[in-house]
Amino acid sequence: MNDCSIDFRVRYAETDQMKYAHHSVYIVWFEMARLELLRRRGISYAQMEKEGYLLPVIEVRARYFKPAFFDEKLRIKAQFGNIEKARLRINYRVEREGIVICEGYSVHAFTNAEGKPIRPPKFFLDKVLK
């Protein structure tokens, strides 16, 4: 299975004056889900960095359908998308009680520690494509 979901609650600090979760925190939530998706595949991003592999974000998109509010329980689903050459796409869906409130994706470049694009390391592909 190439996806994962995590449940969490909207924190007070993540809301704006209108009492909505601020649009920028969805990108933070995407990251939270992305790291968990990697972790569940046996990939530690911290270990990847130590070994000189980086995954900087080169594109991110979020489409908002409904607002989220303080203390609401949400579920975010993350799923591996395409892996092409030196790029990886991850798709996200934020839900409240099964209703989609936001969808988005992030695209990452595989780079070495100097920032040079590289192909995905074999260990990464082995764990993601299994």
N, C-alpha and C. Protein backbone atom coordinates (compact mmCIF):
# COMPACT_ATOMS: atom_id res chain seq x y z
N MET A 1 0.85 -1.19 0.00
CA MET A 1 0.00 0.00 0.00
C MET A 1 0.88 1.24 0.00
N ASN A 2 0.60 2.18 -0.86
CA ASN A 2 1.44 3.36 -1.03
C ASN A 2 0.84 4.61 -0.40
N ASP A 3 0.04 4.48 0.63
CA ASP A 3 -0.50 5.67 1.26
C ASP A 3 -0.58 5.48 2.76
N CYS A 4 -0.84 6.57 3.47
CA CYS A 4 -1.04 6.51 4.91
C CYS A 4 -2.00 7.63 5.30
N SER A 5 -2.58 7.51 6.46
CA SER A 5 -3.42 8.59 6.97
C SER A 5 -3.08 8.80 8.45
N ILE A 6 -3.19 10.04 8.86
CA ILE A 6 -2.98 10.38 10.27
C ILE A 6 -4.11 11.29 10.72
N ASP A 7 -4.48 11.15 11.96
CA ASP A 7 -5.51 11.98 12.57
C ASP A 7 -4.85 13.00 13.49
N PHE A 8 -5.42 14.19 13.52
CA PHE A 8 -4.90 15.25 14.39
C PHE A 8 -6.00 16.28 14.61
N ARG A 9 -5.76 17.19 15.54
CA ARG A 9 -6.70 18.27 15.83
C ARG A 9 -6.09 19.60 15.45
N VAL A 10 -6.94 20.50 14.97
CA VAL A 10 -6.49 21.85 14.63
C VAL A 10 -6.14 22.57 15.93
N ARG A 11 -4.91 23.07 15.99
CA ARG A 11 -4.46 23.79 17.18
C ARG A 11 -4.89 25.26 17.11
N TYR A 12 -5.07 25.87 18.26
CA TYR A 12 -5.52 27.26 18.33
C TYR A 12 -4.57 28.18 17.57
N ALA A 13 -3.27 27.96 17.69
CA ALA A 13 -2.28 28.80 17.02
C ALA A 13 -2.36 28.70 15.50
N GLU A 14 -3.05 27.70 14.98
CA GLU A 14 -3.17 27.52 13.54
C GLU A 14 -4.37 28.25 12.94
N THR A 15 -5.14 28.93 13.78
CA THR A 15 -6.34 29.62 13.30
C THR A 15 -6.06 31.11 13.12
N ASP A 16 -6.89 31.75 12.32
CA ASP A 16 -6.75 33.18 12.07
C ASP A 16 -7.89 33.95 12.76
N GLN A 17 -7.98 35.22 12.49
CA GLN A 17 -8.98 36.07 13.14
C GLN A 17 -10.41 35.63 12.81
N MET A 18 -10.59 34.96 11.68
CA MET A 18 -11.92 34.49 11.29
C MET A 18 -12.26 33.15 11.93
N LYS A 19 -11.34 32.64 12.75
CA LYS A 19 -11.49 31.35 13.45
C LYS A 19 -11.29 30.15 12.53
N TYR A 20 -10.81 30.37 11.30
CA TYR A 20 -10.51 29.31 10.36
C TYR A 20 -9.05 28.89 10.55
N ALA A 21 -8.76 27.64 10.21
CA ALA A 21 -7.36 27.24 10.12
C ALA A 21 -6.76 28.06 8.97
N HIS A 22 -5.64 28.71 9.25
CA HIS A 22 -5.01 29.56 8.24
C HIS A 22 -4.56 28.73 7.05
N HIS A 23 -4.68 29.29 5.86
CA HIS A 23 -4.35 28.53 4.65
C HIS A 23 -2.91 28.01 4.65
N SER A 24 -2.00 28.71 5.28
CA SER A 24 -0.60 28.29 5.27
C SER A 24 -0.33 27.02 6.08
N VAL A 25 -1.16 26.73 7.07
CA VAL A 25 -0.89 25.55 7.90
C VAL A 25 -1.17 24.24 7.17
N TYR A 26 -1.94 24.31 6.11
CA TYR A 26 -2.19 23.09 5.34
C TYR A 26 -0.87 22.56 4.75
N ILE A 27 0.02 23.46 4.38
CA ILE A 27 1.31 23.04 3.85
C ILE A 27 2.13 22.37 4.95
N VAL A 28 2.03 22.87 6.17
CA VAL A 28 2.69 22.24 7.32
C VAL A 28 2.08 20.86 7.56
N TRP A 29 0.77 20.76 7.45
CA TRP A 29 0.11 19.46 7.62
C TRP A 29 0.55 18.49 6.52
N PHE A 30 0.71 18.99 5.30
CA PHE A 30 1.21 18.14 4.22
C PHE A 30 2.56 17.54 4.61
N GLU A 31 3.43 18.40 5.16
CA GLU A 31 4.75 17.92 5.56
C GLU A 31 4.65 16.86 6.65
N MET A 32 3.77 17.08 7.61
CA MET A 32 3.56 16.13 8.69
C MET A 32 3.17 14.76 8.11
N ALA A 33 2.26 14.76 7.16
CA ALA A 33 1.81 13.52 6.54
C ALA A 33 2.90 12.90 5.67
N ARG A 34 3.65 13.74 4.96
CA ARG A 34 4.72 13.26 4.09
C ARG A 34 5.78 12.51 4.90
N LEU A 35 6.19 13.09 6.02
CA LEU A 35 7.21 12.44 6.85
C LEU A 35 6.70 11.13 7.42
N GLU A 36 5.42 11.09 7.79
CA GLU A 36 4.84 9.84 8.29
C GLU A 36 4.75 8.80 7.18
N LEU A 37 4.40 9.23 5.97
CA LEU A 37 4.35 8.31 4.83
C LEU A 37 5.72 7.67 4.61
N LEU A 38 6.76 8.47 4.64
CA LEU A 38 8.12 7.93 4.49
C LEU A 38 8.47 7.00 5.64
N ARG A 39 8.15 7.43 6.85
CA ARG A 39 8.46 6.63 8.05
C ARG A 39 7.81 5.26 7.97
N ARG A 40 6.56 5.22 7.53
CA ARG A 40 5.84 3.94 7.46
C ARG A 40 6.39 3.02 6.38
N ARG A 41 7.16 3.58 5.46
CA ARG A 41 7.82 2.77 4.44
C ARG A 41 9.24 2.42 4.86
N GLY A 42 9.60 2.78 6.11
CA GLY A 42 10.91 2.45 6.61
C GLY A 42 11.99 3.43 6.19
N ILE A 43 11.59 4.64 5.80
CA ILE A 43 12.53 5.65 5.36
C ILE A 43 12.56 6.78 6.38
N SER A 44 13.71 7.01 6.96
CA SER A 44 13.89 8.12 7.89
C SER A 44 14.47 9.30 7.12
N TYR A 45 13.73 10.40 7.08
CA TYR A 45 14.25 11.57 6.37
C TYR A 45 15.50 12.10 7.05
N ALA A 46 15.54 12.02 8.37
CA ALA A 46 16.73 12.47 9.10
C ALA A 46 17.95 11.63 8.69
N GLN A 47 17.75 10.33 8.54
CA GLN A 47 18.85 9.46 8.12
C GLN A 47 19.26 9.75 6.67
N MET A 48 18.27 10.00 5.83
CA MET A 48 18.58 10.35 4.44
C MET A 48 19.48 11.58 4.38
N GLU A 49 19.15 12.60 5.18
CA GLU A 49 19.96 13.82 5.21
C GLU A 49 21.39 13.52 5.67
N LYS A 50 21.52 12.67 6.69
CA LYS A 50 22.85 12.32 7.18
C LYS A 50 23.68 11.63 6.10
N GLU A 51 22.99 10.88 5.23
CA GLU A 51 23.67 10.17 4.15
C GLU A 51 23.87 11.05 2.91
N GLY A 52 23.40 12.30 2.98
CA GLY A 52 23.63 13.23 1.87
C GLY A 52 22.55 13.30 0.82
N TYR A 53 21.36 12.74 1.12
CA TYR A 53 20.23 12.80 0.19
C TYR A 53 19.20 13.80 0.71
N LEU A 54 18.77 14.71 -0.16
CA LEU A 54 17.79 15.71 0.23
C LEU A 54 16.59 15.65 -0.71
N LEU A 55 15.45 16.11 -0.21
CA LEU A 55 14.22 16.17 -1.00
C LEU A 55 13.58 17.56 -0.89
N PRO A 56 14.21 18.60 -1.41
CA PRO A 56 13.62 19.92 -1.30
C PRO A 56 12.31 20.01 -2.10
N VAL A 57 11.40 20.82 -1.58
CA VAL A 57 10.13 21.07 -2.27
C VAL A 57 10.41 22.02 -3.44
N ILE A 58 9.95 21.63 -4.63
CA ILE A 58 10.10 22.51 -5.79
C ILE A 58 8.74 23.01 -6.30
N GLU A 59 7.68 22.40 -5.78
CA GLU A 59 6.33 22.85 -6.16
C GLU A 59 5.36 22.36 -5.09
N VAL A 60 4.39 23.19 -4.77
CA VAL A 60 3.35 22.76 -3.83
C VAL A 60 2.04 23.43 -4.24
N ARG A 61 0.96 22.69 -4.09
CA ARG A 61 -0.35 23.22 -4.45
C ARG A 61 -1.38 22.73 -3.45
N ALA A 62 -2.29 23.61 -3.09
CA ALA A 62 -3.40 23.25 -2.22
C ALA A 62 -4.67 23.86 -2.79
N ARG A 63 -5.72 23.08 -2.79
CA ARG A 63 -7.03 23.56 -3.23
C ARG A 63 -7.99 23.37 -2.06
N TYR A 64 -8.59 24.48 -1.63
CA TYR A 64 -9.42 24.49 -0.43
C TYR A 64 -10.90 24.43 -0.80
N PHE A 65 -11.63 23.55 -0.11
CA PHE A 65 -13.06 23.40 -0.39
C PHE A 65 -13.93 23.89 0.77
N LYS A 66 -13.50 23.61 1.99
CA LYS A 66 -14.24 24.01 3.19
C LYS A 66 -13.23 24.38 4.27
N PRO A 67 -13.61 25.28 5.18
CA PRO A 67 -12.67 25.65 6.25
C PRO A 67 -12.59 24.59 7.34
N ALA A 68 -11.47 24.62 8.06
CA ALA A 68 -11.30 23.82 9.27
C ALA A 68 -11.25 24.80 10.44
N PHE A 69 -11.71 24.36 11.60
CA PHE A 69 -11.81 25.23 12.76
C PHE A 69 -11.04 24.66 13.95
N PHE A 70 -10.74 25.52 14.90
CA PHE A 70 -10.02 25.12 16.12
C PHE A 70 -10.64 23.88 16.75
N ASP A 71 -9.79 22.95 17.13
CA ASP A 71 -10.09 21.72 17.86
C ASP A 71 -10.87 20.69 17.04
N GLU A 72 -11.09 20.93 15.78
CA GLU A 72 -11.72 19.91 14.96
C GLU A 72 -10.74 18.77 14.71
N LYS A 73 -11.28 17.58 14.68
CA LYS A 73 -10.46 16.41 14.37
C LYS A 73 -10.45 16.24 12.85
N LEU A 74 -9.24 16.20 12.30
CA LEU A 74 -9.07 16.04 10.87
C LEU A 74 -8.24 14.80 10.58
N ARG A 75 -8.35 14.33 9.37
CA ARG A 75 -7.53 13.23 8.89
C ARG A 75 -6.84 13.71 7.61
N ILE A 76 -5.55 13.49 7.54
CA ILE A 76 -4.84 13.81 6.31
C ILE A 76 -4.29 12.51 5.74
N LYS A 77 -4.51 12.34 4.45
CA LYS A 77 -4.03 11.17 3.75
C LYS A 77 -2.93 11.61 2.79
N ALA A 78 -1.86 10.87 2.78
CA ALA A 78 -0.74 11.14 1.88
C ALA A 78 -0.50 9.89 1.05
N GLN A 79 -0.17 10.10 -0.21
CA GLN A 79 0.03 8.98 -1.12
C GLN A 79 1.15 9.32 -2.10
N PHE A 80 2.02 8.35 -2.34
CA PHE A 80 3.06 8.55 -3.34
C PHE A 80 2.42 8.70 -4.71
N GLY A 81 2.89 9.67 -5.45
CA GLY A 81 2.48 9.86 -6.84
C GLY A 81 3.60 9.38 -7.74
N ASN A 82 3.85 10.13 -8.77
CA ASN A 82 4.89 9.76 -9.73
C ASN A 82 6.29 9.93 -9.17
N ILE A 83 7.16 9.03 -9.59
CA ILE A 83 8.60 9.19 -9.37
C ILE A 83 9.21 9.16 -10.77
N GLU A 84 9.68 10.32 -11.19
CA GLU A 84 10.24 10.44 -12.53
C GLU A 84 11.60 11.11 -12.45
N LYS A 85 12.60 10.47 -13.04
CA LYS A 85 13.97 10.99 -13.06
C LYS A 85 14.37 11.39 -11.65
N ALA A 86 14.51 12.68 -11.38
CA ALA A 86 14.96 13.16 -10.07
C ALA A 86 13.81 13.80 -9.29
N ARG A 87 12.57 13.47 -9.63
CA ARG A 87 11.41 14.10 -8.98
C ARG A 87 10.47 13.09 -8.35
N LEU A 88 9.86 13.53 -7.27
CA LEU A 88 8.88 12.73 -6.54
C LEU A 88 7.66 13.60 -6.28
N ARG A 89 6.48 13.09 -6.56
CA ARG A 89 5.23 13.79 -6.25
C ARG A 89 4.51 13.03 -5.15
N ILE A 90 3.98 13.79 -4.19
CA ILE A 90 3.15 13.22 -3.13
C ILE A 90 1.82 13.95 -3.12
N ASN A 91 0.73 13.19 -3.09
CA ASN A 91 -0.62 13.75 -3.09
C ASN A 91 -1.20 13.73 -1.68
N TYR A 92 -2.03 14.73 -1.37
CA TYR A 92 -2.61 14.87 -0.04
C TYR A 92 -4.11 15.12 -0.13
N ARG A 93 -4.80 14.64 0.89
CA ARG A 93 -6.24 14.91 1.03
C ARG A 93 -6.51 15.13 2.51
N VAL A 94 -7.09 16.28 2.84
CA VAL A 94 -7.45 16.59 4.23
C VAL A 94 -8.97 16.42 4.33
N GLU A 95 -9.39 15.63 5.33
CA GLU A 95 -10.82 15.31 5.49
C GLU A 95 -11.29 15.61 6.90
N ARG A 96 -12.56 15.96 6.99
CA ARG A 96 -13.26 16.09 8.26
C ARG A 96 -14.47 15.19 8.17
N GLU A 97 -14.48 14.14 8.99
CA GLU A 97 -15.58 13.17 9.00
C GLU A 97 -15.90 12.67 7.59
N GLY A 98 -14.85 12.35 6.83
CA GLY A 98 -15.02 11.79 5.50
C GLY A 98 -15.28 12.80 4.41
N ILE A 99 -15.43 14.07 4.75
CA ILE A 99 -15.67 15.12 3.76
C ILE A 99 -14.33 15.79 3.43
N VAL A 100 -14.01 15.85 2.16
CA VAL A 100 -12.75 16.45 1.73
C VAL A 100 -12.83 17.96 1.88
N ILE A 101 -11.90 18.52 2.67
CA ILE A 101 -11.88 19.97 2.84
C ILE A 101 -10.70 20.62 2.10
N CYS A 102 -9.71 19.82 1.72
CA CYS A 102 -8.56 20.34 0.99
C CYS A 102 -7.87 19.18 0.27
N GLU A 103 -7.41 19.44 -0.93
CA GLU A 103 -6.58 18.50 -1.67
C GLU A 103 -5.35 19.23 -2.16
N GLY A 104 -4.26 18.50 -2.29
CA GLY A 104 -3.07 19.14 -2.80
C GLY A 104 -1.99 18.15 -3.12
N TYR A 105 -0.83 18.70 -3.47
CA TYR A 105 0.32 17.86 -3.75
C TYR A 105 1.59 18.66 -3.54
N SER A 106 2.68 17.94 -3.41
CA SER A 106 4.00 18.57 -3.39
C SER A 106 4.89 17.78 -4.33
N VAL A 107 5.81 18.49 -4.97
CA VAL A 107 6.79 17.86 -5.85
C VAL A 107 8.16 18.16 -5.25
N HIS A 108 8.99 17.13 -5.18
CA HIS A 108 10.30 17.22 -4.56
C HIS A 108 11.36 16.80 -5.55
N ALA A 109 12.51 17.43 -5.46
CA ALA A 109 13.67 17.03 -6.26
C ALA A 109 14.59 16.21 -5.39
N PHE A 110 15.09 15.12 -5.92
CA PHE A 110 16.15 14.39 -5.23
C PHE A 110 17.45 15.14 -5.51
N THR A 111 18.16 15.51 -4.46
CA THR A 111 19.46 16.18 -4.64
C THR A 111 20.47 15.58 -3.68
N ASN A 112 21.74 15.84 -4.00
CA ASN A 112 22.79 15.47 -3.06
C ASN A 112 22.97 16.64 -2.08
N ALA A 113 23.90 16.54 -1.18
CA ALA A 113 24.10 17.56 -0.15
C ALA A 113 24.51 18.91 -0.74
N GLU A 114 25.06 18.91 -1.95
CA GLU A 114 25.46 20.15 -2.62
C GLU A 114 24.31 20.76 -3.42
N GLY A 115 23.17 20.10 -3.43
CA GLY A 115 22.01 20.62 -4.16
C GLY A 115 21.93 20.21 -5.62
N LYS A 116 22.81 19.31 -6.03
CA LYS A 116 22.80 18.83 -7.41
C LYS A 116 21.73 17.74 -7.57
N PRO A 117 20.87 17.86 -8.60
CA PRO A 117 19.85 16.83 -8.82
C PRO A 117 20.49 15.46 -9.07
N ILE A 118 19.88 14.45 -8.47
CA ILE A 118 20.34 13.07 -8.63
C ILE A 118 19.14 12.16 -8.81
N ARG A 119 19.37 10.99 -9.28
CA ARG A 119 18.30 9.99 -9.37
C ARG A 119 17.96 9.51 -7.97
N PRO A 120 16.74 9.03 -7.76
CA PRO A 120 16.40 8.50 -6.43
C PRO A 120 17.33 7.36 -6.04
N PRO A 121 17.79 7.34 -4.80
CA PRO A 121 18.67 6.23 -4.39
C PRO A 121 17.92 4.90 -4.42
N LYS A 122 18.66 3.84 -4.69
CA LYS A 122 18.07 2.50 -4.80
C LYS A 122 17.29 2.11 -3.55
N PHE A 123 17.84 2.40 -2.36
CA PHE A 123 17.14 2.02 -1.13
C PHE A 123 15.76 2.69 -1.06
N PHE A 124 15.68 3.92 -1.55
CA PHE A 124 14.41 4.65 -1.55
C PHE A 124 13.41 3.96 -2.47
N LEU A 125 13.82 3.71 -3.70
CA LEU A 125 12.94 3.05 -4.65
C LEU A 125 12.52 1.67 -4.18
N ASP A 126 13.43 0.92 -3.61
CA ASP A 126 13.11 -0.42 -3.10
C ASP A 126 12.01 -0.36 -2.06
N LYS A 127 12.05 0.63 -1.19
CA LYS A 127 11.05 0.72 -0.11
C LYS A 127 9.73 1.32 -0.58
N VAL A 128 9.79 2.23 -1.51
CA VAL A 128 8.57 2.89 -1.99
C VAL A 128 7.82 2.01 -3.00
N LEU A 129 8.54 1.33 -3.85
CA LEU A 129 7.92 0.56 -4.92
C LEU A 129 7.60 -0.88 -4.54
N LYS A 130 7.95 -1.30 -3.31
CA LYS A 130 7.71 -2.70 -2.92
C LYS A 130 6.23 -3.04 -2.88
